[in-house]
Amino acid sequence: MVMRHQAFVIEFPVLVAVAAEPVTGMSLFPPNDLQELPSRERILLAAHKLFYSFGIRATGIDRVITESGVAKVTFYRHFPSENELTLLR
């Protein structure tokens, strides 16, 4: 997926998961891709994908924690408040 904005181009890798049957609670990401990243990067990547897909208001912190595969304590170690995550650019 490529997004164009005036003077620069941002390319995002597109991850596709295919399942024969709908699976409840299925993660948006294959487990091996995120587990290789540091926890802060996993949180930021998961938050970005969820915010882009569902919007900031519709995405809860618990969903970000679940998708990134980190503990709640780890999330709050990197981002002392929920607002800290949404203010990053």
Protein backbone atom coordinates (compact mmCIF):
# COMPACT_ATOMS: atom_id res chain seq x y z
CA MET A 1 0.00 0.00 0.00
CA VAL A 2 1.37 3.43 -0.92
CA MET A 3 0.09 6.69 0.50
CA ARG A 4 1.01 9.96 -1.20
CA HIS A 5 0.99 13.23 0.66
CA GLN A 6 2.15 16.39 -1.11
CA ALA A 7 5.98 16.22 -1.05
CA PHE A 8 6.65 12.69 0.19
CA VAL A 9 5.60 9.09 -0.32
CA ILE A 10 5.10 6.63 2.54
CA GLU A 11 5.10 2.91 1.81
CA PHE A 12 3.50 0.50 4.29
CA PRO A 13 3.93 -3.24 4.05
CA VAL A 14 0.60 -4.96 3.60
CA LEU A 15 0.06 -8.10 5.65
CA VAL A 16 -2.64 -10.49 4.52
CA ALA A 17 -4.02 -13.34 6.61
CA VAL A 18 -6.19 -15.95 4.93
CA ALA A 19 -8.30 -18.39 6.93
CA ALA A 20 -10.63 -21.12 5.68
CA GLU A 21 -13.10 -20.31 8.44
CA PRO A 22 -13.59 -17.12 10.45
CA VAL A 23 -11.56 -17.25 13.63
CA THR A 24 -12.59 -15.14 16.61
CA GLY A 25 -9.75 -13.37 18.38
CA MET A 26 -7.42 -13.87 15.41
CA SER A 27 -4.52 -11.45 15.38
CA LEU A 28 -4.06 -9.13 12.40
CA PHE A 29 -0.38 -10.08 12.24
CA PRO A 30 1.44 -13.36 11.73
CA PRO A 31 3.19 -14.14 15.05
CA ASN A 32 6.71 -14.46 13.64
CA ASP A 33 6.79 -10.97 12.12
CA LEU A 34 6.14 -9.05 15.33
CA GLN A 35 8.00 -11.26 17.78
CA GLU A 36 11.35 -10.37 16.16
CA LEU A 37 10.87 -6.65 16.89
CA PRO A 38 11.60 -4.89 20.20
CA SER A 39 8.50 -4.45 22.37
CA ARG A 40 8.21 -0.69 21.81
CA GLU A 41 8.32 -1.18 18.03
CA ARG A 42 5.72 -3.97 18.23
CA ILE A 43 3.41 -1.67 20.18
CA LEU A 44 3.85 1.20 17.72
CA LEU A 45 3.32 -1.05 14.70
CA ALA A 46 0.23 -2.68 16.20
CA ALA A 47 -1.20 0.72 17.23
CA HIS A 48 -0.57 2.20 13.78
CA LYS A 49 -2.25 -0.70 12.00
CA LEU A 50 -5.25 -0.69 14.38
CA PHE A 51 -5.65 3.09 14.30
CA TYR A 52 -5.50 3.03 10.51
CA SER A 53 -7.97 0.13 10.26
CA PHE A 54 -10.51 1.03 12.95
CA GLY A 55 -9.76 4.62 13.98
CA ILE A 56 -8.21 5.95 17.19
CA ARG A 57 -11.46 6.19 19.14
CA ALA A 58 -12.58 2.68 18.21
CA THR A 59 -9.25 1.09 19.19
CA GLY A 60 -8.78 0.36 22.87
CA ILE A 61 -5.48 -0.07 24.65
CA ASP A 62 -6.33 -3.68 25.46
CA ARG A 63 -6.63 -4.40 21.73
CA VAL A 64 -3.25 -2.78 21.07
CA ILE A 65 -1.71 -4.85 23.86
CA THR A 66 -3.25 -8.06 22.51
CA GLU A 67 -2.17 -7.38 18.93
CA SER A 68 1.39 -6.44 19.90
CA GLY A 69 1.80 -9.48 22.15
CA VAL A 70 3.22 -7.57 25.11
CA ALA A 71 2.16 -7.50 28.73
CA LYS A 72 0.16 -4.57 30.05
CA VAL A 73 3.09 -3.64 32.31
CA THR A 74 5.39 -3.50 29.28
CA PHE A 75 2.96 -1.23 27.46
CA TYR A 76 2.79 1.22 30.36
CA ARG A 77 6.58 1.09 30.82
CA HIS A 78 7.00 2.47 27.29
CA PHE A 79 3.91 4.72 27.33
CA PRO A 80 3.05 6.05 30.82
CA SER A 81 -0.40 7.15 29.67
CA GLU A 82 -2.70 6.13 26.83
CA ASN A 83 -2.43 9.65 25.42
CA GLU A 84 1.34 9.28 24.99
CA LEU A 85 0.75 6.66 22.30
CA THR A 86 -1.73 8.73 20.32
CA LEU A 87 0.42 11.87 20.44
CA LEU A 88 3.41 10.25 18.74
CA ARG A 89 3.89 11.12 15.10
